Amino acid sequence: MSGACEYVDKDGTPTTAHALVIKCRDFWSNVANKYGWSMDNKGVTIWINEEMEYVDSYPNPEEHDLSFIVDRETEEILTTIKWKQLY
């Protein structure tokens, strides 16, 4: 994957798929710690709109090392990332 910006974060900042997955996974890890569950071995699904802007994310229910960036309208998976390789 190139270092080019592919997506837009909620604050309007251009970002890459890798950076977006790390940010969302870190967010859900904090939520998990606060409420007594774990993000161990879980990726995230991130929804984006037609302008490639980040809309929402959710922790994946299955324990595997994949995270997905999905088009909100078509539900097409645009990017799949093995999140364990990002850290």
PDB file of N, CA and C in Angstrom:
ATOM      1  N   MET A   1       0.844  -1.176   0.000  1.00  0.00           N
ATOM      2  CA  MET A   1       0.000   0.000   0.000  1.00  0.00           C
ATOM      3  C   MET A   1       0.884   1.231   0.000  1.00  0.00           C
ATOM      4  N   SER A   2       0.507   2.227  -0.750  1.00  0.00           N
ATOM      5  CA  SER A   2       1.274   3.461  -0.808  1.00  0.00           C
ATOM      6  C   SER A   2       0.979   4.325   0.403  1.00  0.00           C
ATOM      7  N   GLY A   3       1.777   5.349   0.594  1.00  0.00           N
ATOM      8  CA  GLY A   3       1.580   6.261   1.707  1.00  0.00           C
ATOM      9  C   GLY A   3       0.568   7.342   1.386  1.00  0.00           C
ATOM     10  N   ALA A   4      -0.023   7.302   0.203  1.00  0.00           N
ATOM     11  CA  ALA A   4      -0.976   8.328  -0.213  1.00  0.00           C
ATOM     12  C   ALA A   4      -2.221   8.304   0.659  1.00  0.00           C
ATOM     13  N   CYS A   5      -2.788   9.473   0.861  1.00  0.00           N
ATOM     14  CA  CYS A   5      -4.026   9.576   1.628  1.00  0.00           C
ATOM     15  C   CYS A   5      -5.165   9.052   0.771  1.00  0.00           C
ATOM     16  N   GLU A   6      -5.954   8.197   1.376  1.00  0.00           N
ATOM     17  CA  GLU A   6      -7.041   7.565   0.646  1.00  0.00           C
ATOM     18  C   GLU A   6      -8.406   7.935   1.209  1.00  0.00           C
ATOM     19  N   TYR A   7      -8.434   8.299   2.483  1.00  0.00           N
ATOM     20  CA  TYR A   7      -9.692   8.543   3.181  1.00  0.00           C
ATOM     21  C   TYR A   7      -9.618   9.868   3.927  1.00  0.00           C
ATOM     22  N   VAL A   8     -10.770  10.277   4.473  1.00  0.00           N
ATOM     23  CA  VAL A   8     -10.839  11.513   5.245  1.00  0.00           C
ATOM     24  C   VAL A   8     -11.394  11.183   6.616  1.00  0.00           C
ATOM     25  N   ASP A   9     -10.657  11.580   7.667  1.00  0.00           N
ATOM     26  CA  ASP A   9     -11.075  11.326   9.039  1.00  0.00           C
ATOM     27  C   ASP A   9     -12.252  12.230   9.402  1.00  0.00           C
ATOM     28  N   LYS A  10     -12.884  11.951  10.556  1.00  0.00           N
ATOM     29  CA  LYS A  10     -14.063  12.730  10.971  1.00  0.00           C
ATOM     30  C   LYS A  10     -13.761  14.215  11.132  1.00  0.00           C
ATOM     31  N   ASP A  11     -12.511  14.553  11.455  1.00  0.00           N
ATOM     32  CA  ASP A  11     -12.159  15.964  11.620  1.00  0.00           C
ATOM     33  C   ASP A  11     -11.756  16.619  10.297  1.00  0.00           C
ATOM     34  N   GLY A  12     -11.894  15.885   9.182  1.00  0.00           N
ATOM     35  CA  GLY A  12     -11.587  16.430   7.871  1.00  0.00           C
ATOM     36  C   GLY A  12     -10.151  16.237   7.432  1.00  0.00           C
ATOM     37  N   THR A  13      -9.340  15.580   8.253  1.00  0.00           N
ATOM     38  CA  THR A  13      -7.938  15.353   7.947  1.00  0.00           C
ATOM     39  C   THR A  13      -7.778  14.173   6.998  1.00  0.00           C
ATOM     40  N   PRO A  14      -7.032  14.345   5.908  1.00  0.00           N
ATOM     41  CA  PRO A  14      -6.753  13.199   5.036  1.00  0.00           C
ATOM     42  C   PRO A  14      -5.982  12.129   5.821  1.00  0.00           C
ATOM     43  N   THR A  15      -6.275  10.868   5.536  1.00  0.00           N
ATOM     44  CA  THR A  15      -5.628   9.780   6.266  1.00  0.00           C
ATOM     45  C   THR A  15      -5.503   8.559   5.368  1.00  0.00           C
ATOM     46  N   THR A  16      -4.715   7.603   5.805  1.00  0.00           N
ATOM     47  CA  THR A  16      -4.567   6.349   5.071  1.00  0.00           C
ATOM     48  C   THR A  16      -5.450   5.280   5.701  1.00  0.00           C
ATOM     49  N   ALA A  17      -5.623   4.181   4.985  1.00  0.00           N
ATOM     50  CA  ALA A  17      -6.396   3.062   5.518  1.00  0.00           C
ATOM     51  C   ALA A  17      -5.753   2.531   6.792  1.00  0.00           C
ATOM     52  N   HIS A  18      -4.437   2.385   6.785  1.00  0.00           N
ATOM     53  CA  HIS A  18      -3.738   1.865   7.961  1.00  0.00           C
ATOM     54  C   HIS A  18      -3.949   2.763   9.179  1.00  0.00           C
ATOM     55  N   ALA A  19      -3.793   4.066   8.998  1.00  0.00           N
ATOM     56  CA  ALA A  19      -3.962   5.002  10.112  1.00  0.00           C
ATOM     57  C   ALA A  19      -5.397   4.982  10.626  1.00  0.00           C
ATOM     58  N   LEU A  20      -6.354   4.855   9.737  1.00  0.00           N
ATOM     59  CA  LEU A  20      -7.757   4.814  10.135  1.00  0.00           C
ATOM     60  C   LEU A  20      -8.070   3.560  10.948  1.00  0.00           C
ATOM     61  N   VAL A  21      -7.541   2.415  10.528  1.00  0.00           N
ATOM     62  CA  VAL A  21      -7.753   1.175  11.275  1.00  0.00           C
ATOM     63  C   VAL A  21      -7.115   1.279  12.668  1.00  0.00           C
ATOM     64  N   ILE A  22      -5.900   1.795  12.746  1.00  0.00           N
ATOM     65  CA  ILE A  22      -5.239   1.940  14.049  1.00  0.00           C
ATOM     66  C   ILE A  22      -6.049   2.851  14.965  1.00  0.00           C
ATOM     67  N   LYS A  23      -6.500   3.982  14.439  1.00  0.00           N
ATOM     68  CA  LYS A  23      -7.265   4.935  15.252  1.00  0.00           C
ATOM     69  C   LYS A  23      -8.564   4.302  15.762  1.00  0.00           C
ATOM     70  N   CYS A  24      -9.304   3.618  14.887  1.00  0.00           N
ATOM     71  CA  CYS A  24     -10.576   3.010  15.291  1.00  0.00           C
ATOM     72  C   CYS A  24     -10.353   1.847  16.254  1.00  0.00           C
ATOM     73  N   ARG A  25      -9.333   1.039  15.996  1.00  0.00           N
ATOM     74  CA  ARG A  25      -9.032  -0.074  16.893  1.00  0.00           C
ATOM     75  C   ARG A  25      -8.622   0.428  18.268  1.00  0.00           C
ATOM     76  N   ASP A  26      -7.832   1.480  18.306  1.00  0.00           N
ATOM     77  CA  ASP A  26      -7.443   2.068  19.598  1.00  0.00           C
ATOM     78  C   ASP A  26      -8.665   2.608  20.342  1.00  0.00           C
ATOM     79  N   PHE A  27      -9.573   3.260  19.608  1.00  0.00           N
ATOM     80  CA  PHE A  27     -10.798   3.759  20.227  1.00  0.00           C
ATOM     81  C   PHE A  27     -11.581   2.610  20.855  1.00  0.00           C
ATOM     82  N   TRP A  28     -11.808   1.530  20.079  1.00  0.00           N
ATOM     83  CA  TRP A  28     -12.595   0.405  20.595  1.00  0.00           C
ATOM     84  C   TRP A  28     -11.862  -0.354  21.700  1.00  0.00           C
ATOM     85  N   SER A  29     -10.552  -0.358  21.677  1.00  0.00           N
ATOM     86  CA  SER A  29      -9.787  -0.970  22.781  1.00  0.00           C
ATOM     87  C   SER A  29     -10.018  -0.209  24.079  1.00  0.00           C
ATOM     88  N   ASN A  30     -10.071   1.121  23.992  1.00  0.00           N
ATOM     89  CA  ASN A  30     -10.362   1.940  25.185  1.00  0.00           C
ATOM     90  C   ASN A  30     -11.774   1.678  25.701  1.00  0.00           C
ATOM     91  N   VAL A  31     -12.739   1.583  24.798  1.00  0.00           N
ATOM     92  CA  VAL A  31     -14.119   1.270  25.193  1.00  0.00           C
ATOM     93  C   VAL A  31     -14.163  -0.106  25.854  1.00  0.00           C
ATOM     94  N   ALA A  32     -13.497  -1.075  25.246  1.00  0.00           N
ATOM     95  CA  ALA A  32     -13.477  -2.437  25.786  1.00  0.00           C
ATOM     96  C   ALA A  32     -12.894  -2.459  27.194  1.00  0.00           C
ATOM     97  N   ASN A  33     -11.781  -1.770  27.397  1.00  0.00           N
ATOM     98  CA  ASN A  33     -11.154  -1.719  28.724  1.00  0.00           C
ATOM     99  C   ASN A  33     -12.081  -1.080  29.751  1.00  0.00           C
ATOM    100  N   LYS A  34     -12.775  -0.030  29.344  1.00  0.00           N
ATOM    101  CA  LYS A  34     -13.678   0.688  30.258  1.00  0.00           C
ATOM    102  C   LYS A  34     -14.856  -0.182  30.694  1.00  0.00           C
ATOM    103  N   TYR A  35     -15.350  -1.021  29.792  1.00  0.00           N
ATOM    104  CA  TYR A  35     -16.557  -1.802  30.079  1.00  0.00           C
ATOM    105  C   TYR A  35     -16.301  -3.291  30.315  1.00  0.00           C
ATOM    106  N   GLY A  36     -15.031  -3.670  30.473  1.00  0.00           N
ATOM    107  CA  GLY A  36     -14.712  -5.019  30.909  1.00  0.00           C
ATOM    108  C   GLY A  36     -14.718  -6.107  29.850  1.00  0.00           C
ATOM    109  N   TRP A  37     -14.518  -5.740  28.606  1.00  0.00           N
ATOM    110  CA  TRP A  37     -14.362  -6.753  27.573  1.00  0.00           C
ATOM    111  C   TRP A  37     -13.060  -6.489  26.841  1.00  0.00           C
ATOM    112  N   SER A  38     -12.761  -7.264  25.841  1.00  0.00           N
ATOM    113  CA  SER A  38     -11.450  -7.185  25.215  1.00  0.00           C
ATOM    114  C   SER A  38     -11.544  -7.108  23.692  1.00  0.00           C
ATOM    115  N   MET A  39     -10.599  -6.399  23.110  1.00  0.00           N
ATOM    116  CA  MET A  39     -10.461  -6.352  21.652  1.00  0.00           C
ATOM    117  C   MET A  39      -9.390  -7.321  21.178  1.00  0.00           C
ATOM    118  N   ASP A  40      -8.873  -8.159  22.059  1.00  0.00           N
ATOM    119  CA  ASP A  40      -7.837  -9.117  21.668  1.00  0.00           C
ATOM    120  C   ASP A  40      -8.295  -9.919  20.465  1.00  0.00           C
ATOM    121  N   ASN A  41      -7.447  -9.971  19.469  1.00  0.00           N
ATOM    122  CA  ASN A  41      -7.688 -10.754  18.253  1.00  0.00           C
ATOM    123  C   ASN A  41      -8.921 -10.324  17.469  1.00  0.00           C
ATOM    124  N   LYS A  42      -9.374  -9.098  17.656  1.00  0.00           N
ATOM    125  CA  LYS A  42     -10.522  -8.601  16.898  1.00  0.00           C
ATOM    126  C   LYS A  42     -10.107  -7.405  16.048  1.00  0.00           C
ATOM    127  N   GLY A  43     -10.589  -7.394  14.834  1.00  0.00           N
ATOM    128  CA  GLY A  43     -10.412  -6.236  13.979  1.00  0.00           C
ATOM    129  C   GLY A  43     -11.621  -5.326  14.100  1.00  0.00           C
ATOM    130  N   VAL A  44     -11.689  -4.330  13.232  1.00  0.00           N
ATOM    131  CA  VAL A  44     -12.820  -3.407  13.204  1.00  0.00           C
ATOM    132  C   VAL A  44     -13.367  -3.325  11.782  1.00  0.00           C
ATOM    133  N   THR A  45     -14.625  -2.930  11.690  1.00  0.00           N
ATOM    134  CA  THR A  45     -15.215  -2.588  10.405  1.00  0.00           C
ATOM    135  C   THR A  45     -15.460  -1.086  10.430  1.00  0.00           C
ATOM    136  N   ILE A  46     -15.018  -0.419   9.374  1.00  0.00           N
ATOM    137  CA  ILE A  46     -15.126   1.037   9.269  1.00  0.00           C
ATOM    138  C   ILE A  46     -15.975   1.355   8.042  1.00  0.00           C
ATOM    139  N   TRP A  47     -16.978   2.200   8.224  1.00  0.00           N
ATOM    140  CA  TRP A  47     -17.829   2.606   7.112  1.00  0.00           C
ATOM    141  C   TRP A  47     -17.424   3.990   6.642  1.00  0.00           C
ATOM    142  N   ILE A  48     -17.407   4.164   5.322  1.00  0.00           N
ATOM    143  CA  ILE A  48     -17.109   5.460   4.726  1.00  0.00           C
ATOM    144  C   ILE A  48     -18.219   5.819   3.746  1.00  0.00           C
ATOM    145  N   ASN A  49     -18.347   7.120   3.452  1.00  0.00           N
ATOM    146  CA  ASN A  49     -19.359   7.567   2.499  1.00  0.00           C
ATOM    147  C   ASN A  49     -18.746   7.729   1.103  1.00  0.00           C
ATOM    148  N   GLU A  50     -19.536   8.258   0.164  1.00  0.00           N
ATOM    149  CA  GLU A  50     -19.051   8.357  -1.214  1.00  0.00           C
ATOM    150  C   GLU A  50     -17.913   9.353  -1.393  1.00  0.00           C
ATOM    151  N   GLU A  51     -17.735  10.264  -0.427  1.00  0.00           N
ATOM    152  CA  GLU A  51     -16.614  11.208  -0.470  1.00  0.00           C
ATOM    153  C   GLU A  51     -15.373  10.629   0.205  1.00  0.00           C
ATOM    154  N   MET A  52     -15.435   9.318   0.536  1.00  0.00           N
ATOM    155  CA  MET A  52     -14.338   8.613   1.197  1.00  0.00           C
ATOM    156  C   MET A  52     -14.094   9.138   2.617  1.00  0.00           C
ATOM    157  N   GLU A  53     -15.156   9.692   3.228  1.00  0.00           N
ATOM    158  CA  GLU A  53     -15.073  10.217   4.593  1.00  0.00           C
ATOM    159  C   GLU A  53     -15.496   9.142   5.588  1.00  0.00           C
ATOM    160  N   TYR A  54     -14.742   9.044   6.669  1.00  0.00           N
ATOM    161  CA  TYR A  54     -15.042   8.128   7.764  1.00  0.00           C
ATOM    162  C   TYR A  54     -16.380   8.494   8.376  1.00  0.00           C
ATOM    163  N   VAL A  55     -17.270   7.511   8.499  1.00  0.00           N
ATOM    164  CA  VAL A  55     -18.605   7.743   9.039  1.00  0.00           C
ATOM    165  C   VAL A  55     -18.767   7.102  10.415  1.00  0.00           C
ATOM    166  N   ASP A  56     -18.368   5.833  10.541  1.00  0.00           N
ATOM    167  CA  ASP A  56     -18.565   5.110  11.794  1.00  0.00           C
ATOM    168  C   ASP A  56     -17.672   3.872  11.795  1.00  0.00           C
ATOM    169  N   SER A  57     -17.561   3.253  12.964  1.00  0.00           N
ATOM    170  CA  SER A  57     -16.815   1.994  13.058  1.00  0.00           C
ATOM    171  C   SER A  57     -17.456   1.116  14.122  1.00  0.00           C
ATOM    172  N   TYR A  58     -17.092  -0.145  14.065  1.00  0.00           N
ATOM    173  CA  TYR A  58     -17.631  -1.108  15.025  1.00  0.00           C
ATOM    174  C   TYR A  58     -16.621  -2.245  15.172  1.00  0.00           C
ATOM    175  N   PRO A  59     -16.452  -2.777  16.392  1.00  0.00           N
ATOM    176  CA  PRO A  59     -15.543  -3.917  16.549  1.00  0.00           C
ATOM    177  C   PRO A  59     -16.152  -5.154  15.901  1.00  0.00           C
ATOM    178  N   ASN A  60     -15.323  -5.926  15.232  1.00  0.00           N
ATOM    179  CA  ASN A  60     -15.810  -7.163  14.623  1.00  0.00           C
ATOM    180  C   ASN A  60     -16.101  -8.185  15.709  1.00  0.00           C
ATOM    181  N   PRO A  61     -17.200  -8.911  15.581  1.00  0.00           N
ATOM    182  CA  PRO A  61     -17.565  -9.881  16.616  1.00  0.00           C
ATOM    183  C   PRO A  61     -16.694 -11.127  16.612  1.00  0.00           C
ATOM    184  N   GLU A  62     -16.149 -11.471  15.478  1.00  0.00           N
ATOM    185  CA  GLU A  62     -15.336 -12.684  15.385  1.00  0.00           C
ATOM    186  C   GLU A  62     -13.890 -12.357  15.718  1.00  0.00           C
ATOM    187  N   GLU A  63     -13.231 -13.319  16.312  1.00  0.00           N
ATOM    188  CA  GLU A  63     -11.831 -13.130  16.652  1.00  0.00           C
ATOM    189  C   GLU A  63     -10.949 -13.553  15.491  1.00  0.00           C
ATOM    190  N   HIS A  64     -10.549 -12.588  14.703  1.00  0.00           N
ATOM    191  CA  HIS A  64      -9.587 -12.799  13.628  1.00  0.00           C
ATOM    192  C   HIS A  64      -8.837 -11.496  13.418  1.00  0.00           C
ATOM    193  N   ASP A  65      -7.783 -11.551  12.635  1.00  0.00           N
ATOM    194  CA  ASP A  65      -6.919 -10.382  12.528  1.00  0.00           C
ATOM    195  C   ASP A  65      -7.237  -9.480  11.340  1.00  0.00           C
ATOM    196  N   LEU A  66      -8.459  -9.515  10.846  1.00  0.00           N
ATOM    197  CA  LEU A  66      -8.826  -8.674   9.715  1.00  0.00           C
ATOM    198  C   LEU A  66      -9.682  -7.488  10.131  1.00  0.00           C
ATOM    199  N   SER A  67      -9.395  -6.349   9.515  1.00  0.00           N
ATOM    200  CA  SER A  67     -10.240  -5.166   9.621  1.00  0.00           C
ATOM    201  C   SER A  67     -10.685  -4.805   8.212  1.00  0.00           C
ATOM    202  N   PHE A  68     -11.865  -4.195   8.120  1.00  0.00           N
ATOM    203  CA  PHE A  68     -12.449  -3.890   6.817  1.00  0.00           C
ATOM    204  C   PHE A  68     -12.847  -2.423   6.740  1.00  0.00           C
ATOM    205  N   ILE A  69     -12.638  -1.828   5.568  1.00  0.00           N
ATOM    206  CA  ILE A  69     -13.199  -0.508   5.267  1.00  0.00           C
ATOM    207  C   ILE A  69     -14.257  -0.753   4.211  1.00  0.00           C
ATOM    208  N   VAL A  70     -15.488  -0.320   4.517  1.00  0.00           N
ATOM    209  CA  VAL A  70     -16.662  -0.683   3.726  1.00  0.00           C
ATOM    210  C   VAL A  70     -17.386   0.582   3.260  1.00  0.00           C
ATOM    211  N   ASP A  71     -17.839   0.563   2.010  1.00  0.00           N
ATOM    212  CA  ASP A  71     -18.668   1.640   1.479  1.00  0.00           C
ATOM    213  C   ASP A  71     -20.039   1.554   2.150  1.00  0.00           C
ATOM    214  N   ARG A  72     -20.449   2.630   2.783  1.00  0.00           N
ATOM    215  CA  ARG A  72     -21.704   2.648   3.541  1.00  0.00           C
ATOM    216  C   ARG A  72     -22.923   2.389   2.669  1.00  0.00           C
ATOM    217  N   GLU A  73     -22.918   2.870   1.454  1.00  0.00           N
ATOM    218  CA  GLU A  73     -24.087   2.739   0.575  1.00  0.00           C
ATOM    219  C   GLU A  73     -24.164   1.362  -0.087  1.00  0.00           C
ATOM    220  N   THR A  74     -23.057   0.896  -0.636  1.00  0.00           N
ATOM    221  CA  THR A  74     -23.071  -0.354  -1.394  1.00  0.00           C
ATOM    222  C   THR A  74     -22.709  -1.571  -0.556  1.00  0.00           C
ATOM    223  N   GLU A  75     -22.154  -1.349   0.624  1.00  0.00           N
ATOM    224  CA  GLU A  75     -21.649  -2.395   1.524  1.00  0.00           C
ATOM    225  C   GLU A  75     -20.513  -3.196   0.897  1.00  0.00           C
ATOM    226  N   GLU A  76     -19.875  -2.624  -0.112  1.00  0.00           N
ATOM    227  CA  GLU A  76     -18.720  -3.250  -0.749  1.00  0.00           C
ATOM    228  C   GLU A  76     -17.489  -3.055   0.135  1.00  0.00           C
ATOM    229  N   ILE A  77     -16.723  -4.123   0.330  1.00  0.00           N
ATOM    230  CA  ILE A  77     -15.475  -4.018   1.078  1.00  0.00           C
ATOM    231  C   ILE A  77     -14.441  -3.381   0.158  1.00  0.00           C
ATOM    232  N   LEU A  78     -13.936  -2.214   0.557  1.00  0.00           N
ATOM    233  CA  LEU A  78     -12.967  -1.481  -0.249  1.00  0.00           C
ATOM    234  C   LEU A  78     -11.531  -1.834   0.111  1.00  0.00           C
ATOM    235  N   THR A  79     -11.302  -2.114   1.386  1.00  0.00           N
ATOM    236  CA  THR A  79      -9.956  -2.425   1.868  1.00  0.00           C
ATOM    237  C   THR A  79     -10.048  -3.461   2.971  1.00  0.00           C
ATOM    238  N   THR A  80      -9.153  -4.423   2.948  1.00  0.00           N
ATOM    239  CA  THR A  80      -9.026  -5.409   4.014  1.00  0.00           C
ATOM    240  C   THR A  80      -7.596  -5.327   4.537  1.00  0.00           C
ATOM    241  N   ILE A  81      -7.460  -5.224   5.862  1.00  0.00           N
ATOM    242  CA  ILE A  81      -6.139  -5.058   6.471  1.00  0.00           C
ATOM    243  C   ILE A  81      -5.985  -6.047   7.610  1.00  0.00           C
ATOM    244  N   LYS A  82      -4.843  -6.717   7.661  1.00  0.00           N
ATOM    245  CA  LYS A  82      -4.497  -7.537   8.824  1.00  0.00           C
ATOM    246  C   LYS A  82      -3.949  -6.572   9.875  1.00  0.00           C
ATOM    247  N   TRP A  83      -4.769  -6.232  10.842  1.00  0.00           N
ATOM    248  CA  TRP A  83      -4.399  -5.173  11.799  1.00  0.00           C
ATOM    249  C   TRP A  83      -3.186  -5.531  12.630  1.00  0.00           C
ATOM    250  N   LYS A  84      -2.930  -6.809  12.897  1.00  0.00           N
ATOM    251  CA  LYS A  84      -1.767  -7.184  13.721  1.00  0.00           C
ATOM    252  C   LYS A  84      -0.460  -6.740  13.061  1.00  0.00           C
ATOM    253  N   GLN A  85      -0.447  -6.601  11.755  1.00  0.00           N
ATOM    254  CA  GLN A  85       0.749  -6.171  11.049  1.00  0.00           C
ATOM    255  C   GLN A  85       0.981  -4.661  11.173  1.00  0.00           C
ATOM    256  N   LEU A  86       0.014  -3.936  11.708  1.00  0.00           N
ATOM    257  CA  LEU A  86       0.125  -2.487  11.804  1.00  0.00           C
ATOM    258  C   LEU A  86       0.857  -2.026  13.057  1.00  0.00           C
ATOM    259  N   TYR A  87       0.940  -2.880  14.066  1.00  0.00           N
ATOM    260  CA  TYR A  87       1.528  -2.488  15.348  1.00  0.00           C
ATOM    261  C   TYR A  87       2.951  -2.968  15.457  1.00  0.00           C
TER     262      TYR A  87
END
